[in-house]
Amino acid sequence: MKNCFSFFKNENCEYFPCHKVHDSENFNCIFCFCPLYHLENCGGNYTVNERHIKDCSNCLLPHKPENYSFITDKLKK
C-alpha cells in the first residue's frame, strides 16, 4: 500500500516494526500509539499483567490496514 490518509509506513523509525510480524510490507504505522488503548473493550488482543497494566505487545489491530475504519468508527462512539 502507498502512504495515504488510512495507511502510513515509516521504515525509517528505529522501532519499525514495533511488533513481530511476518508481513512488514503491510504494517500500518498511522496509529503508532493505539487510540483505543484507554478502552476496556477495544477489540484488540491484549492481556493485563500482574501490575494491572494493559499489555498490547501481541496486538496488531491498529497496524493492519483493513482496521482503519474499525478504529475510527469506534472513536466516534
N, C-alpha and C. Protein backbone atom coordinates (compact mmCIF):
# COMPACT_ATOMS: atom_id res chain seq x y z
N MET A 1 0.84 -1.19 0.00
CA MET A 1 0.00 0.00 0.00
C MET A 1 0.87 1.24 0.00
N LYS A 2 0.40 2.27 -0.61
CA LYS A 2 1.12 3.54 -0.59
C LYS A 2 0.64 4.37 0.59
N ASN A 3 1.47 5.29 1.03
CA ASN A 3 1.08 6.19 2.11
C ASN A 3 -0.12 7.02 1.66
N CYS A 4 -1.14 7.05 2.49
CA CYS A 4 -2.36 7.80 2.20
C CYS A 4 -3.04 8.14 3.52
N PHE A 5 -4.30 8.61 3.48
CA PHE A 5 -4.96 9.02 4.72
C PHE A 5 -5.18 7.86 5.69
N SER A 6 -5.25 6.63 5.20
CA SER A 6 -5.53 5.49 6.09
C SER A 6 -4.36 4.53 6.24
N PHE A 7 -3.25 4.84 5.61
CA PHE A 7 -2.08 3.95 5.70
C PHE A 7 -0.80 4.77 5.63
N PHE A 8 0.11 4.45 6.53
CA PHE A 8 1.42 5.10 6.53
C PHE A 8 2.43 4.11 7.09
N LYS A 9 3.52 3.95 6.39
CA LYS A 9 4.58 3.05 6.85
C LYS A 9 5.86 3.86 7.01
N ASN A 10 6.44 3.80 8.19
CA ASN A 10 7.66 4.55 8.47
C ASN A 10 8.81 3.57 8.70
N GLU A 11 9.41 3.13 7.63
CA GLU A 11 10.51 2.18 7.73
C GLU A 11 11.77 2.80 8.32
N ASN A 12 11.83 4.12 8.41
CA ASN A 12 12.98 4.79 8.99
C ASN A 12 12.90 4.88 10.51
N CYS A 13 11.78 4.52 11.07
CA CYS A 13 11.62 4.53 12.52
C CYS A 13 12.52 3.47 13.15
N GLU A 14 13.18 3.84 14.23
CA GLU A 14 14.08 2.88 14.89
C GLU A 14 13.34 1.69 15.47
N TYR A 15 12.02 1.79 15.64
CA TYR A 15 11.22 0.70 16.21
C TYR A 15 10.47 -0.10 15.15
N PHE A 16 10.60 0.25 13.89
CA PHE A 16 9.84 -0.43 12.83
C PHE A 16 10.35 -1.82 12.58
N PRO A 17 9.46 -2.78 12.51
CA PRO A 17 8.09 -2.77 13.03
C PRO A 17 8.13 -2.96 14.55
N CYS A 18 7.21 -2.35 15.23
CA CYS A 18 7.22 -2.38 16.70
C CYS A 18 6.65 -3.67 17.26
N HIS A 19 6.11 -4.53 16.41
CA HIS A 19 5.62 -5.85 16.80
C HIS A 19 6.24 -6.88 15.87
N LYS A 20 6.37 -8.11 16.33
CA LYS A 20 6.87 -9.17 15.46
C LYS A 20 5.78 -9.52 14.46
N VAL A 21 6.10 -9.42 13.19
CA VAL A 21 5.15 -9.70 12.12
C VAL A 21 5.83 -10.49 11.01
N HIS A 22 5.01 -11.18 10.24
CA HIS A 22 5.51 -11.92 9.08
C HIS A 22 5.52 -11.04 7.84
N ASP A 23 4.64 -10.02 7.83
CA ASP A 23 4.48 -9.18 6.65
C ASP A 23 4.67 -7.72 7.02
N SER A 24 5.89 -7.25 7.02
CA SER A 24 6.15 -5.85 7.37
C SER A 24 5.78 -4.91 6.22
N GLU A 25 5.57 -5.46 5.04
CA GLU A 25 5.19 -4.64 3.88
C GLU A 25 3.84 -3.96 4.10
N ASN A 26 2.92 -4.62 4.79
CA ASN A 26 1.59 -4.07 5.05
C ASN A 26 1.40 -3.64 6.49
N PHE A 27 2.47 -3.30 7.16
CA PHE A 27 2.42 -2.87 8.55
C PHE A 27 2.08 -1.38 8.58
N ASN A 28 0.93 -1.05 9.16
CA ASN A 28 0.43 0.31 9.18
C ASN A 28 0.91 1.05 10.42
N CYS A 29 1.62 2.15 10.21
CA CYS A 29 2.16 2.94 11.32
C CYS A 29 1.29 4.16 11.64
N ILE A 30 0.17 4.32 10.95
CA ILE A 30 -0.63 5.53 11.13
C ILE A 30 -1.11 5.69 12.57
N PHE A 31 -1.39 4.58 13.23
CA PHE A 31 -1.73 4.62 14.65
C PHE A 31 -0.54 4.08 15.43
N CYS A 32 0.53 4.83 15.45
CA CYS A 32 1.75 4.42 16.13
C CYS A 32 1.44 4.06 17.58
N PHE A 33 0.68 4.90 18.23
CA PHE A 33 0.17 4.58 19.57
C PHE A 33 -1.33 4.36 19.39
N CYS A 34 -1.83 3.24 19.81
CA CYS A 34 -3.23 2.88 19.57
C CYS A 34 -4.18 3.86 20.28
N PRO A 35 -5.07 4.50 19.52
CA PRO A 35 -6.03 5.43 20.13
C PRO A 35 -7.12 4.71 20.93
N LEU A 36 -7.16 3.39 20.87
CA LEU A 36 -8.16 2.63 21.62
C LEU A 36 -7.60 2.07 22.92
N TYR A 37 -6.35 2.37 23.22
CA TYR A 37 -5.70 1.82 24.40
C TYR A 37 -6.50 2.06 25.68
N HIS A 38 -7.08 3.22 25.81
CA HIS A 38 -7.81 3.59 27.03
C HIS A 38 -9.14 2.85 27.19
N LEU A 39 -9.62 2.18 26.14
CA LEU A 39 -10.90 1.48 26.21
C LEU A 39 -10.73 0.06 26.73
N GLU A 40 -11.58 -0.33 27.67
CA GLU A 40 -11.52 -1.70 28.18
C GLU A 40 -11.92 -2.69 27.08
N ASN A 41 -12.92 -2.33 26.30
CA ASN A 41 -13.38 -3.19 25.21
C ASN A 41 -12.90 -2.60 23.88
N CYS A 42 -11.60 -2.64 23.67
CA CYS A 42 -11.01 -2.03 22.48
C CYS A 42 -11.14 -2.90 21.24
N GLY A 43 -11.33 -4.19 21.42
CA GLY A 43 -11.43 -5.09 20.27
C GLY A 43 -10.11 -5.75 19.90
N GLY A 44 -9.06 -5.39 20.60
CA GLY A 44 -7.74 -5.94 20.30
C GLY A 44 -7.37 -7.14 21.16
N ASN A 45 -6.23 -7.71 20.85
CA ASN A 45 -5.71 -8.87 21.55
C ASN A 45 -4.71 -8.41 22.61
N TYR A 46 -5.22 -8.13 23.81
CA TYR A 46 -4.35 -7.64 24.88
C TYR A 46 -4.46 -8.53 26.10
N THR A 47 -3.52 -8.38 27.00
CA THR A 47 -3.57 -9.05 28.29
C THR A 47 -3.38 -7.97 29.36
N VAL A 48 -3.63 -8.33 30.59
CA VAL A 48 -3.40 -7.43 31.72
C VAL A 48 -2.34 -8.10 32.59
N ASN A 49 -1.25 -7.41 32.85
CA ASN A 49 -0.17 -8.03 33.61
C ASN A 49 -0.45 -7.99 35.11
N GLU A 50 0.48 -8.51 35.87
CA GLU A 50 0.30 -8.64 37.32
C GLU A 50 0.20 -7.29 38.02
N ARG A 51 0.64 -6.23 37.37
CA ARG A 51 0.52 -4.88 37.94
C ARG A 51 -0.73 -4.16 37.44
N HIS A 52 -1.62 -4.93 36.78
CA HIS A 52 -2.89 -4.41 36.25
C HIS A 52 -2.70 -3.38 35.15
N ILE A 53 -1.66 -3.58 34.36
CA ILE A 53 -1.37 -2.70 33.23
C ILE A 53 -1.68 -3.44 31.95
N LYS A 54 -2.38 -2.78 31.06
CA LYS A 54 -2.76 -3.36 29.77
C LYS A 54 -1.50 -3.58 28.93
N ASP A 55 -1.31 -4.79 28.45
CA ASP A 55 -0.16 -5.15 27.63
C ASP A 55 -0.63 -5.47 26.22
N CYS A 56 -0.30 -4.64 25.28
CA CYS A 56 -0.76 -4.79 23.90
C CYS A 56 0.33 -5.31 22.97
N SER A 57 1.38 -5.88 23.52
CA SER A 57 2.51 -6.30 22.70
C SER A 57 2.15 -7.41 21.70
N ASN A 58 1.07 -8.14 21.93
CA ASN A 58 0.65 -9.17 20.98
C ASN A 58 -0.52 -8.72 20.11
N CYS A 59 -0.84 -7.44 20.13
CA CYS A 59 -1.98 -6.92 19.38
C CYS A 59 -1.52 -6.21 18.11
N LEU A 60 -2.10 -6.59 17.00
CA LEU A 60 -1.79 -5.95 15.73
C LEU A 60 -2.97 -5.16 15.18
N LEU A 61 -4.05 -5.05 15.92
CA LEU A 61 -5.26 -4.40 15.44
C LEU A 61 -4.99 -3.03 14.81
N PRO A 62 -4.27 -2.11 15.46
CA PRO A 62 -4.06 -0.80 14.83
C PRO A 62 -3.05 -0.81 13.69
N HIS A 63 -2.36 -1.91 13.49
CA HIS A 63 -1.31 -1.96 12.47
C HIS A 63 -1.72 -2.70 11.21
N LYS A 64 -2.96 -3.17 11.15
CA LYS A 64 -3.46 -3.82 9.94
C LYS A 64 -4.24 -2.79 9.13
N PRO A 65 -3.89 -2.60 7.87
CA PRO A 65 -4.54 -1.57 7.05
C PRO A 65 -6.06 -1.69 7.03
N GLU A 66 -6.59 -2.87 7.06
CA GLU A 66 -8.04 -3.06 6.97
C GLU A 66 -8.78 -2.65 8.24
N ASN A 67 -8.06 -2.34 9.31
CA ASN A 67 -8.71 -1.95 10.57
C ASN A 67 -8.84 -0.45 10.77
N TYR A 68 -8.44 0.35 9.80
CA TYR A 68 -8.54 1.80 9.92
C TYR A 68 -9.98 2.23 10.21
N SER A 69 -10.93 1.73 9.45
CA SER A 69 -12.35 2.09 9.64
C SER A 69 -12.87 1.60 10.98
N PHE A 70 -12.46 0.42 11.40
CA PHE A 70 -12.89 -0.10 12.70
C PHE A 70 -12.48 0.87 13.80
N ILE A 71 -11.26 1.33 13.77
CA ILE A 71 -10.74 2.23 14.80
C ILE A 71 -11.45 3.58 14.75
N THR A 72 -11.57 4.17 13.58
CA THR A 72 -12.21 5.48 13.50
C THR A 72 -13.69 5.40 13.87
N ASP A 73 -14.36 4.33 13.51
CA ASP A 73 -15.77 4.15 13.91
C ASP A 73 -15.91 4.01 15.42
N LYS A 74 -15.00 3.25 16.03
CA LYS A 74 -15.03 3.05 17.47
C LYS A 74 -14.76 4.37 18.20
N LEU A 75 -13.91 5.20 17.66
CA LEU A 75 -13.61 6.50 18.28
C LEU A 75 -14.81 7.46 18.19
N LYS A 76 -15.62 7.31 17.16
CA LYS A 76 -16.80 8.16 17.01
C LYS A 76 -17.86 7.85 18.05
N LYS A 77 -17.87 6.63 18.57
CA LYS A 77 -18.91 6.21 19.53
C LYS A 77 -18.67 6.76 20.87
